[in-house]
Amino acid sequence: MMRSVARMIASFGGCGFAPRAPGTVGSLAALLVGIPLLQHAAWMGIAIALCCVIGYWATATVSGGEDHGWIVIDEVAGMWLSMWPLAPLSPFSLRWADIFWLVLAFALFRLFDITKPGPVGWFDRRHDAVGIMGDDIVAGMGAGLIVMALHAIA
């Protein structure tokens, strides 16, 4: 029973079982689920913390130390970290500029997640739940810092 729950969490409700590009599908699903959380920075912060803790448990339970393609809860945590600097943002009154920043957060996160620069790659080379979750968390933090800096000067 617990293994089934962990599998559902690790796949973000099944998004990880997409036949093509499950990491991108998981990131896109995280973007859509995350937009309402952006109404309040605290909500997003709590969601990120819960995602990291519960995601770590689920990943440790089902991964066996291997970063299976269907495990996308790490992408959720990273995507939400990349979006967090945009809070507060109302999902009911999104402007074109808001959409631009959300797309930029998505693109930067996916770029860092795929290319694995610096510490992202270090975490990726670990073969445990810390590595599986850590590379995307660091990628999301990097993307979020860039989004925050560009948003501040725009």
C-alpha atoms as a PDB file:
ATOM      1  CA  MET A   1       0.000   0.000   0.000  1.00  0.00           C
ATOM      2  CA  MET A   2       2.677   2.526   1.025  1.00  0.00           C
ATOM      3  CA  ARG A   3       4.705   1.647  -2.055  1.00  0.00           C
ATOM      4  CA  SER A   4       1.704   2.425  -4.293  1.00  0.00           C
ATOM      5  CA  VAL A   5       1.204   5.779  -2.576  1.00  0.00           C
ATOM      6  CA  ALA A   6       4.916   6.527  -2.943  1.00  0.00           C
ATOM      7  CA  ARG A   7       4.780   5.604  -6.631  1.00  0.00           C
ATOM      8  CA  MET A   8       1.800   7.906  -7.201  1.00  0.00           C
ATOM      9  CA  ILE A   9       3.591  10.779  -5.431  1.00  0.00           C
ATOM     10  CA  ALA A  10       6.899  10.144  -7.201  1.00  0.00           C
ATOM     11  CA  SER A  11       5.136  10.184 -10.582  1.00  0.00           C
ATOM     12  CA  PHE A  12       3.142  13.320  -9.604  1.00  0.00           C
ATOM     13  CA  GLY A  13      -0.205  11.651 -10.014  1.00  0.00           C
ATOM     14  CA  GLY A  14       0.933   9.668 -13.037  1.00  0.00           C
ATOM     15  CA  CYS A  15       2.496  12.499 -15.055  1.00  0.00           C
ATOM     16  CA  GLY A  16       5.793  10.642 -15.007  1.00  0.00           C
ATOM     17  CA  PHE A  17       4.265   7.838 -17.040  1.00  0.00           C
ATOM     18  CA  ALA A  18       3.870  10.044 -20.114  1.00  0.00           C
ATOM     19  CA  PRO A  19       5.165   8.109 -23.126  1.00  0.00           C
ATOM     20  CA  ARG A  20       7.500  10.917 -24.217  1.00  0.00           C
ATOM     21  CA  ALA A  21       9.533  13.469 -22.242  1.00  0.00           C
ATOM     22  CA  PRO A  22       8.138  12.632 -18.776  1.00  0.00           C
ATOM     23  CA  GLY A  23      10.400  15.221 -17.114  1.00  0.00           C
ATOM     24  CA  THR A  24       9.037  17.961 -19.343  1.00  0.00           C
ATOM     25  CA  VAL A  25       5.463  16.734 -18.831  1.00  0.00           C
ATOM     26  CA  GLY A  26       6.026  16.713 -15.049  1.00  0.00           C
ATOM     27  CA  SER A  27       7.523  20.210 -15.177  1.00  0.00           C
ATOM     28  CA  LEU A  28       4.619  21.511 -17.242  1.00  0.00           C
ATOM     29  CA  ALA A  29       2.103  19.928 -14.845  1.00  0.00           C
ATOM     30  CA  ALA A  30       4.000  21.513 -11.938  1.00  0.00           C
ATOM     31  CA  LEU A  31       3.793  24.890 -13.671  1.00  0.00           C
ATOM     32  CA  LEU A  32       0.027  24.599 -14.077  1.00  0.00           C
ATOM     33  CA  VAL A  33      -0.548  23.359 -10.518  1.00  0.00           C
ATOM     34  CA  GLY A  34       1.865  25.974  -9.171  1.00  0.00           C
ATOM     35  CA  ILE A  35       0.208  29.032 -10.712  1.00  0.00           C
ATOM     36  CA  PRO A  36      -2.613  29.175  -8.107  1.00  0.00           C
ATOM     37  CA  LEU A  37      -0.040  28.720  -5.330  1.00  0.00           C
ATOM     38  CA  LEU A  38       1.677  31.910  -6.491  1.00  0.00           C
ATOM     39  CA  GLN A  39      -1.141  34.026  -5.065  1.00  0.00           C
ATOM     40  CA  HIS A  40       0.818  34.076  -1.804  1.00  0.00           C
ATOM     41  CA  ALA A  41       4.554  33.531  -1.458  1.00  0.00           C
ATOM     42  CA  ALA A  42       3.945  31.674   1.818  1.00  0.00           C
ATOM     43  CA  TRP A  43       1.634  29.162   0.114  1.00  0.00           C
ATOM     44  CA  MET A  44       4.277  28.458  -2.494  1.00  0.00           C
ATOM     45  CA  GLY A  45       6.972  28.161   0.175  1.00  0.00           C
ATOM     46  CA  ILE A  46       4.914  25.655   2.147  1.00  0.00           C
ATOM     47  CA  ALA A  47       4.111  23.694  -1.022  1.00  0.00           C
ATOM     48  CA  ILE A  48       7.814  23.564  -1.953  1.00  0.00           C
ATOM     49  CA  ALA A  49       8.834  22.398   1.523  1.00  0.00           C
ATOM     50  CA  LEU A  50       6.147  19.696   1.548  1.00  0.00           C
ATOM     51  CA  CYS A  51       7.050  18.629  -1.972  1.00  0.00           C
ATOM     52  CA  CYS A  52      10.717  18.278  -1.010  1.00  0.00           C
ATOM     53  CA  VAL A  53      10.032  16.293   2.158  1.00  0.00           C
ATOM     54  CA  ILE A  54       7.287  14.059   0.771  1.00  0.00           C
ATOM     55  CA  GLY A  55       9.110  13.777  -2.547  1.00  0.00           C
ATOM     56  CA  TYR A  56      12.258  12.614  -0.784  1.00  0.00           C
ATOM     57  CA  TRP A  57      10.286   9.938   1.080  1.00  0.00           C
ATOM     58  CA  ALA A  58       8.514   8.771  -2.088  1.00  0.00           C
ATOM     59  CA  THR A  59      11.712   8.746  -4.114  1.00  0.00           C
ATOM     60  CA  ALA A  60      13.654   6.858  -1.438  1.00  0.00           C
ATOM     61  CA  THR A  61      10.820   4.337  -1.229  1.00  0.00           C
ATOM     62  CA  VAL A  62      10.503   3.537  -4.934  1.00  0.00           C
ATOM     63  CA  SER A  63      13.781   4.430  -6.639  1.00  0.00           C
ATOM     64  CA  GLY A  64      16.268   1.861  -5.395  1.00  0.00           C
ATOM     65  CA  GLY A  65      18.855   4.592  -5.939  1.00  0.00           C
ATOM     66  CA  GLU A  66      18.072   4.910  -9.645  1.00  0.00           C
ATOM     67  CA  ASP A  67      16.560   8.051 -11.164  1.00  0.00           C
ATOM     68  CA  HIS A  68      13.805   6.365 -13.171  1.00  0.00           C
ATOM     69  CA  GLY A  69      12.314   8.553 -15.876  1.00  0.00           C
ATOM     70  CA  TRP A  70       8.853   8.241 -14.346  1.00  0.00           C
ATOM     71  CA  ILE A  71      10.017   9.872 -11.085  1.00  0.00           C
ATOM     72  CA  VAL A  72       9.062  13.514 -11.640  1.00  0.00           C
ATOM     73  CA  ILE A  73       8.317  14.810  -8.138  1.00  0.00           C
ATOM     74  CA  ASP A  74      11.838  16.248  -8.223  1.00  0.00           C
ATOM     75  CA  GLU A  75      10.859  18.265 -11.305  1.00  0.00           C
ATOM     76  CA  VAL A  76       7.841  19.567  -9.397  1.00  0.00           C
ATOM     77  CA  ALA A  77      10.026  20.844  -6.549  1.00  0.00           C
ATOM     78  CA  GLY A  78      12.496  22.403  -8.975  1.00  0.00           C
ATOM     79  CA  MET A  79       9.821  24.000 -11.134  1.00  0.00           C
ATOM     80  CA  TRP A  80       8.100  25.510  -8.119  1.00  0.00           C
ATOM     81  CA  LEU A  81      11.427  26.905  -6.887  1.00  0.00           C
ATOM     82  CA  SER A  82      12.006  28.542 -10.265  1.00  0.00           C
ATOM     83  CA  MET A  83       8.529  30.155 -10.125  1.00  0.00           C
ATOM     84  CA  TRP A  84       8.590  31.282  -6.495  1.00  0.00           C
ATOM     85  CA  PRO A  85      10.227  34.686  -7.145  1.00  0.00           C
ATOM     86  CA  LEU A  86       7.151  35.660  -9.172  1.00  0.00           C
ATOM     87  CA  ALA A  87       4.826  35.546  -6.138  1.00  0.00           C
ATOM     88  CA  PRO A  88       2.399  37.134  -5.513  1.00  0.00           C
ATOM     89  CA  LEU A  89       0.724  36.473  -8.846  1.00  0.00           C
ATOM     90  CA  SER A  90      -3.008  36.071  -9.371  1.00  0.00           C
ATOM     91  CA  PRO A  91      -4.040  33.190 -11.625  1.00  0.00           C
ATOM     92  CA  PHE A  92      -7.276  35.060 -12.340  1.00  0.00           C
ATOM     93  CA  SER A  93      -5.635  38.099 -13.894  1.00  0.00           C
ATOM     94  CA  LEU A  94      -2.550  36.841 -15.712  1.00  0.00           C
ATOM     95  CA  ARG A  95      -1.074  39.399 -18.077  1.00  0.00           C
ATOM     96  CA  TRP A  96       1.147  38.657 -21.063  1.00  0.00           C
ATOM     97  CA  ALA A  97       4.144  39.795 -19.016  1.00  0.00           C
ATOM     98  CA  ASP A  98       3.272  37.269 -16.287  1.00  0.00           C
ATOM     99  CA  ILE A  99       3.070  34.509 -18.866  1.00  0.00           C
ATOM    100  CA  PHE A 100       6.471  35.552 -20.232  1.00  0.00           C
ATOM    101  CA  TRP A 101       8.047  35.238 -16.750  1.00  0.00           C
ATOM    102  CA  LEU A 102       6.412  31.859 -16.168  1.00  0.00           C
ATOM    103  CA  VAL A 103       7.653  30.576 -19.532  1.00  0.00           C
ATOM    104  CA  LEU A 104      11.127  31.913 -18.745  1.00  0.00           C
ATOM    105  CA  ALA A 105      11.108  30.125 -15.362  1.00  0.00           C
ATOM    106  CA  PHE A 106      10.060  26.910 -17.119  1.00  0.00           C
ATOM    107  CA  ALA A 107      12.687  27.247 -19.865  1.00  0.00           C
ATOM    108  CA  LEU A 108      15.529  28.054 -17.457  1.00  0.00           C
ATOM    109  CA  PHE A 109      14.597  25.205 -15.148  1.00  0.00           C
ATOM    110  CA  ARG A 110      14.466  22.696 -18.018  1.00  0.00           C
ATOM    111  CA  LEU A 111      17.770  24.041 -19.392  1.00  0.00           C
ATOM    112  CA  PHE A 112      19.528  23.547 -16.044  1.00  0.00           C
ATOM    113  CA  ASP A 113      17.840  20.194 -15.465  1.00  0.00           C
ATOM    114  CA  ILE A 114      18.935  18.868 -18.857  1.00  0.00           C
ATOM    115  CA  THR A 115      22.453  20.356 -19.071  1.00  0.00           C
ATOM    116  CA  LYS A 116      23.290  19.767 -15.370  1.00  0.00           C
ATOM    117  CA  PRO A 117      25.800  22.592 -14.821  1.00  0.00           C
ATOM    118  CA  GLY A 118      28.030  22.670 -11.705  1.00  0.00           C
ATOM    119  CA  PRO A 119      26.328  21.534  -8.508  1.00  0.00           C
ATOM    120  CA  VAL A 120      23.317  20.243 -10.453  1.00  0.00           C
ATOM    121  CA  GLY A 121      25.605  17.657 -12.031  1.00  0.00           C
ATOM    122  CA  TRP A 122      27.202  16.816  -8.692  1.00  0.00           C
ATOM    123  CA  PHE A 123      23.825  15.907  -7.240  1.00  0.00           C
ATOM    124  CA  ASP A 124      22.885  14.043 -10.409  1.00  0.00           C
ATOM    125  CA  ARG A 125      25.917  11.772 -10.020  1.00  0.00           C
ATOM    126  CA  ARG A 126      24.721  10.585  -6.609  1.00  0.00           C
ATOM    127  CA  HIS A 127      22.701   7.417  -6.748  1.00  0.00           C
ATOM    128  CA  ASP A 128      20.247   7.988  -3.946  1.00  0.00           C
ATOM    129  CA  ALA A 129      17.136   9.995  -3.127  1.00  0.00           C
ATOM    130  CA  VAL A 130      19.236  13.033  -2.134  1.00  0.00           C
ATOM    131  CA  GLY A 131      20.764  13.076  -5.601  1.00  0.00           C
ATOM    132  CA  ILE A 132      17.482  12.455  -7.395  1.00  0.00           C
ATOM    133  CA  MET A 133      15.738  15.294  -5.579  1.00  0.00           C
ATOM    134  CA  GLY A 134      18.833  17.474  -5.165  1.00  0.00           C
ATOM    135  CA  ASP A 135      19.742  18.041  -8.807  1.00  0.00           C
ATOM    136  CA  ASP A 136      16.303  19.435  -9.603  1.00  0.00           C
ATOM    137  CA  ILE A 137      16.137  21.485  -6.414  1.00  0.00           C
ATOM    138  CA  VAL A 138      19.483  23.105  -7.250  1.00  0.00           C
ATOM    139  CA  ALA A 139      18.409  23.575 -10.898  1.00  0.00           C
ATOM    140  CA  GLY A 140      15.206  25.245  -9.684  1.00  0.00           C
ATOM    141  CA  MET A 141      17.107  27.476  -7.283  1.00  0.00           C
ATOM    142  CA  GLY A 142      19.455  28.565 -10.079  1.00  0.00           C
ATOM    143  CA  ALA A 143      16.581  29.261 -12.441  1.00  0.00           C
ATOM    144  CA  GLY A 144      14.696  31.090  -9.680  1.00  0.00           C
ATOM    145  CA  LEU A 145      17.684  33.312  -8.906  1.00  0.00           C
ATOM    146  CA  ILE A 146      17.987  34.302 -12.554  1.00  0.00           C
ATOM    147  CA  VAL A 147      14.245  34.941 -12.829  1.00  0.00           C
ATOM    148  CA  MET A 148      14.395  37.042  -9.643  1.00  0.00           C
ATOM    149  CA  ALA A 149      17.354  39.088 -10.895  1.00  0.00           C
ATOM    150  CA  LEU A 150      15.869  39.705 -14.341  1.00  0.00           C
ATOM    151  CA  HIS A 151      12.440  40.469 -12.909  1.00  0.00           C
ATOM    152  CA  ALA A 152      13.995  43.012 -10.532  1.00  0.00           C
ATOM    153  CA  ILE A 153      15.753  44.917 -13.298  1.00  0.00           C
ATOM    154  CA  ALA A 154      12.853  44.713 -15.810  1.00  0.00           C
END
